[in-house]
Amino acid sequence: MIAGTRVPVSMVLDCLAAGISPKEVVAEYPTLTSEGVQAAAAYGGVAGP
């Protein structure tokens, strides 16, 4: 889970892998912040935009 949310890191990574932008991920999961998405991407080794 991403700290302070009920969103699993794997869910964010799946979204990013599917080509969903970080902004769209935050819009879909309002408890997330862009920093949370970046942290999940860094944890998963996903290249950022």
PDB file of N, CA and C in Angstrom:
ATOM      1  N   MET A   1       0.836  -1.186   0.000  1.00  0.00           N
ATOM      2  CA  MET A   1       0.000   0.000   0.000  1.00  0.00           C
ATOM      3  C   MET A   1       0.881   1.250   0.000  1.00  0.00           C
ATOM      4  N   ILE A   2       0.390   2.245  -0.642  1.00  0.00           N
ATOM      5  CA  ILE A   2       1.072   3.528  -0.613  1.00  0.00           C
ATOM      6  C   ILE A   2       0.667   4.216   0.682  1.00  0.00           C
ATOM      7  N   ALA A   3       1.648   4.745   1.385  1.00  0.00           N
ATOM      8  CA  ALA A   3       1.422   5.347   2.703  1.00  0.00           C
ATOM      9  C   ALA A   3       0.261   6.342   2.664  1.00  0.00           C
ATOM     10  N   GLY A   4      -0.639   6.197   3.630  1.00  0.00           N
ATOM     11  CA  GLY A   4      -1.760   7.102   3.768  1.00  0.00           C
ATOM     12  C   GLY A   4      -2.912   6.828   2.814  1.00  0.00           C
ATOM     13  N   THR A   5      -2.828   5.732   2.055  1.00  0.00           N
ATOM     14  CA  THR A   5      -3.896   5.388   1.118  1.00  0.00           C
ATOM     15  C   THR A   5      -4.237   3.907   1.266  1.00  0.00           C
ATOM     16  N   ARG A   6      -5.228   3.490   0.558  1.00  0.00           N
ATOM     17  CA  ARG A   6      -5.568   2.065   0.498  1.00  0.00           C
ATOM     18  C   ARG A   6      -5.283   1.546  -0.907  1.00  0.00           C
ATOM     19  N   VAL A   7      -4.374   2.212  -1.601  1.00  0.00           N
ATOM     20  CA  VAL A   7      -4.044   1.857  -2.978  1.00  0.00           C
ATOM     21  C   VAL A   7      -2.744   1.053  -2.988  1.00  0.00           C
ATOM     22  N   PRO A   8      -2.790  -0.175  -3.487  1.00  0.00           N
ATOM     23  CA  PRO A   8      -1.567  -0.974  -3.554  1.00  0.00           C
ATOM     24  C   PRO A   8      -0.600  -0.442  -4.612  1.00  0.00           C
ATOM     25  N   VAL A   9       0.668  -0.566  -4.322  1.00  0.00           N
ATOM     26  CA  VAL A   9       1.704  -0.169  -5.284  1.00  0.00           C
ATOM     27  C   VAL A   9       1.488  -0.907  -6.599  1.00  0.00           C
ATOM     28  N   SER A  10       1.127  -2.176  -6.516  1.00  0.00           N
ATOM     29  CA  SER A  10       0.931  -2.970  -7.732  1.00  0.00           C
ATOM     30  C   SER A  10      -0.148  -2.379  -8.629  1.00  0.00           C
ATOM     31  N   MET A  11      -1.177  -1.789  -8.040  1.00  0.00           N
ATOM     32  CA  MET A  11      -2.243  -1.167  -8.828  1.00  0.00           C
ATOM     33  C   MET A  11      -1.691   0.028  -9.605  1.00  0.00           C
ATOM     34  N   VAL A  12      -0.885   0.827  -8.949  1.00  0.00           N
ATOM     35  CA  VAL A  12      -0.281   1.985  -9.623  1.00  0.00           C
ATOM     36  C   VAL A  12       0.647   1.512 -10.732  1.00  0.00           C
ATOM     37  N   LEU A  13       1.456   0.499 -10.449  1.00  0.00           N
ATOM     38  CA  LEU A  13       2.376  -0.020 -11.463  1.00  0.00           C
ATOM     39  C   LEU A  13       1.621  -0.593 -12.652  1.00  0.00           C
ATOM     40  N   ASP A  14       0.521  -1.280 -12.395  1.00  0.00           N
ATOM     41  CA  ASP A  14      -0.300  -1.814 -13.485  1.00  0.00           C
ATOM     42  C   ASP A  14      -0.847  -0.692 -14.359  1.00  0.00           C
ATOM     43  N   CYS A  15      -1.299   0.370 -13.729  1.00  0.00           N
ATOM     44  CA  CYS A  15      -1.821   1.514 -14.481  1.00  0.00           C
ATOM     45  C   CYS A  15      -0.729   2.136 -15.348  1.00  0.00           C
ATOM     46  N   LEU A  16       0.432   2.353 -14.762  1.00  0.00           N
ATOM     47  CA  LEU A  16       1.533   2.957 -15.511  1.00  0.00           C
ATOM     48  C   LEU A  16       1.971   2.049 -16.657  1.00  0.00           C
ATOM     49  N   ALA A  17       2.012   0.746 -16.412  1.00  0.00           N
ATOM     50  CA  ALA A  17       2.401  -0.213 -17.449  1.00  0.00           C
ATOM     51  C   ALA A  17       1.391  -0.232 -18.592  1.00  0.00           C
ATOM     52  N   ALA A  18       0.136   0.069 -18.280  1.00  0.00           N
ATOM     53  CA  ALA A  18      -0.919   0.095 -19.299  1.00  0.00           C
ATOM     54  C   ALA A  18      -0.917   1.405 -20.087  1.00  0.00           C
ATOM     55  N   GLY A  19      -0.004   2.304 -19.745  1.00  0.00           N
ATOM     56  CA  GLY A  19       0.106   3.564 -20.474  1.00  0.00           C
ATOM     57  C   GLY A  19      -0.710   4.699 -19.907  1.00  0.00           C
ATOM     58  N   ILE A  20      -1.271   4.491 -18.721  1.00  0.00           N
ATOM     59  CA  ILE A  20      -2.032   5.558 -18.070  1.00  0.00           C
ATOM     60  C   ILE A  20      -1.039   6.549 -17.470  1.00  0.00           C
ATOM     61  N   SER A  21      -1.269   7.820 -17.708  1.00  0.00           N
ATOM     62  CA  SER A  21      -0.338   8.839 -17.230  1.00  0.00           C
ATOM     63  C   SER A  21      -0.451   8.986 -15.712  1.00  0.00           C
ATOM     64  N   PRO A  22       0.625   9.464 -15.075  1.00  0.00           N
ATOM     65  CA  PRO A  22       0.558   9.705 -13.629  1.00  0.00           C
ATOM     66  C   PRO A  22      -0.589  10.632 -13.235  1.00  0.00           C
ATOM     67  N   LYS A  23      -0.878  11.651 -14.058  1.00  0.00           N
ATOM     68  CA  LYS A  23      -1.990  12.562 -13.764  1.00  0.00           C
ATOM     69  C   LYS A  23      -3.316  11.814 -13.776  1.00  0.00           C
ATOM     70  N   GLU A  24      -3.465  10.895 -14.730  1.00  0.00           N
ATOM     71  CA  GLU A  24      -4.705  10.120 -14.816  1.00  0.00           C
ATOM     72  C   GLU A  24      -4.836   9.171 -13.626  1.00  0.00           C
ATOM     73  N   VAL A  25      -3.710   8.625 -13.167  1.00  0.00           N
ATOM     74  CA  VAL A  25      -3.737   7.741 -11.999  1.00  0.00           C
ATOM     75  C   VAL A  25      -4.217   8.521 -10.778  1.00  0.00           C
ATOM     76  N   VAL A  26      -3.687   9.713 -10.587  1.00  0.00           N
ATOM     77  CA  VAL A  26      -4.098  10.547  -9.456  1.00  0.00           C
ATOM     78  C   VAL A  26      -5.574  10.909  -9.571  1.00  0.00           C
ATOM     79  N   ALA A  27      -6.040  11.177 -10.787  1.00  0.00           N
ATOM     80  CA  ALA A  27      -7.457  11.504 -10.984  1.00  0.00           C
ATOM     81  C   ALA A  27      -8.346  10.303 -10.663  1.00  0.00           C
ATOM     82  N   GLU A  28      -7.867   9.107 -10.991  1.00  0.00           N
ATOM     83  CA  GLU A  28      -8.643   7.891 -10.745  1.00  0.00           C
ATOM     84  C   GLU A  28      -8.660   7.509  -9.265  1.00  0.00           C
ATOM     85  N   TYR A  29      -7.562   7.778  -8.584  1.00  0.00           N
ATOM     86  CA  TYR A  29      -7.421   7.438  -7.163  1.00  0.00           C
ATOM     87  C   TYR A  29      -7.098   8.709  -6.389  1.00  0.00           C
ATOM     88  N   PRO A  30      -8.110   9.470  -5.993  1.00  0.00           N
ATOM     89  CA  PRO A  30      -7.901  10.796  -5.404  1.00  0.00           C
ATOM     90  C   PRO A  30      -7.132  10.813  -4.085  1.00  0.00           C
ATOM     91  N   THR A  31      -6.992   9.666  -3.422  1.00  0.00           N
ATOM     92  CA  THR A  31      -6.197   9.667  -2.192  1.00  0.00           C
ATOM     93  C   THR A  31      -4.706   9.693  -2.495  1.00  0.00           C
ATOM     94  N   LEU A  32      -4.349   9.434  -3.758  1.00  0.00           N
ATOM     95  CA  LEU A  32      -2.940   9.464  -4.161  1.00  0.00           C
ATOM     96  C   LEU A  32      -2.495  10.889  -4.463  1.00  0.00           C
ATOM     97  N   THR A  33      -1.214  11.084  -4.320  1.00  0.00           N
ATOM     98  CA  THR A  33      -0.590  12.338  -4.767  1.00  0.00           C
ATOM     99  C   THR A  33       0.365  11.987  -5.894  1.00  0.00           C
ATOM    100  N   SER A  34       0.798  12.990  -6.630  1.00  0.00           N
ATOM    101  CA  SER A  34       1.770  12.727  -7.691  1.00  0.00           C
ATOM    102  C   SER A  34       3.069  12.181  -7.098  1.00  0.00           C
ATOM    103  N   GLU A  35       3.389  12.612  -5.874  1.00  0.00           N
ATOM    104  CA  GLU A  35       4.588  12.094  -5.211  1.00  0.00           C
ATOM    105  C   GLU A  35       4.433  10.608  -4.893  1.00  0.00           C
ATOM    106  N   GLY A  36       3.231  10.202  -4.516  1.00  0.00           N
ATOM    107  CA  GLY A  36       2.968   8.792  -4.247  1.00  0.00           C
ATOM    108  C   GLY A  36       3.108   7.936  -5.494  1.00  0.00           C
ATOM    109  N   VAL A  37       2.626   8.461  -6.618  1.00  0.00           N
ATOM    110  CA  VAL A  37       2.754   7.752  -7.884  1.00  0.00           C
ATOM    111  C   VAL A  37       4.239   7.646  -8.274  1.00  0.00           C
ATOM    112  N   GLN A  38       4.984   8.730  -8.084  1.00  0.00           N
ATOM    113  CA  GLN A  38       6.413   8.713  -8.386  1.00  0.00           C
ATOM    114  C   GLN A  38       7.153   7.721  -7.504  1.00  0.00           C
ATOM    115  N   ALA A  39       6.786   7.669  -6.235  1.00  0.00           N
ATOM    116  CA  ALA A  39       7.424   6.722  -5.314  1.00  0.00           C
ATOM    117  C   ALA A  39       7.128   5.288  -5.713  1.00  0.00           C
ATOM    118  N   ALA A  40       5.889   5.016  -6.120  1.00  0.00           N
ATOM    119  CA  ALA A  40       5.536   3.668  -6.566  1.00  0.00           C
ATOM    120  C   ALA A  40       6.311   3.298  -7.824  1.00  0.00           C
ATOM    121  N   ALA A  41       6.434   4.241  -8.745  1.00  0.00           N
ATOM    122  CA  ALA A  41       7.180   4.002  -9.973  1.00  0.00           C
ATOM    123  C   ALA A  41       8.655   3.733  -9.671  1.00  0.00           C
ATOM    124  N   ALA A  42       9.201   4.497  -8.750  1.00  0.00           N
ATOM    125  CA  ALA A  42      10.605   4.298  -8.384  1.00  0.00           C
ATOM    126  C   ALA A  42      10.792   2.940  -7.722  1.00  0.00           C
ATOM    127  N   TYR A  43       9.861   2.553  -6.873  1.00  0.00           N
ATOM    128  CA  TYR A  43       9.917   1.263  -6.205  1.00  0.00           C
ATOM    129  C   TYR A  43       9.851   0.130  -7.217  1.00  0.00           C
ATOM    130  N   GLY A  44       9.003   0.301  -8.218  1.00  0.00           N
ATOM    131  CA  GLY A  44       8.828  -0.734  -9.231  1.00  0.00           C
ATOM    132  C   GLY A  44       9.828  -0.661 -10.372  1.00  0.00           C
ATOM    133  N   GLY A  45      10.679   0.345 -10.357  1.00  0.00           N
ATOM    134  CA  GLY A  45      11.680   0.475 -11.398  1.00  0.00           C
ATOM    135  C   GLY A  45      11.116   0.921 -12.736  1.00  0.00           C
ATOM    136  N   VAL A  46      10.010   1.664 -12.709  1.00  0.00           N
ATOM    137  CA  VAL A  46       9.374   2.141 -13.934  1.00  0.00           C
ATOM    138  C   VAL A  46       9.933   3.519 -14.266  1.00  0.00           C
ATOM    139  N   ALA A  47      10.301   3.708 -15.521  1.00  0.00           N
ATOM    140  CA  ALA A  47      10.815   5.011 -15.936  1.00  0.00           C
ATOM    141  C   ALA A  47       9.697   6.037 -15.948  1.00  0.00           C
ATOM    142  N   GLY A  48       9.965   7.196 -15.419  1.00  0.00           N
ATOM    143  CA  GLY A  48       8.970   8.259 -15.367  1.00  0.00           C
ATOM    144  C   GLY A  48       8.953   9.064 -16.648  1.00  0.00           C
ATOM    145  N   PRO A  49       7.962   9.941 -16.785  1.00  0.00           N
ATOM    146  CA  PRO A  49       7.852  10.769 -17.995  1.00  0.00           C
ATOM    147  C   PRO A  49       8.932  11.824 -18.050  1.00  0.00           C
TER     148      PRO A  49
END
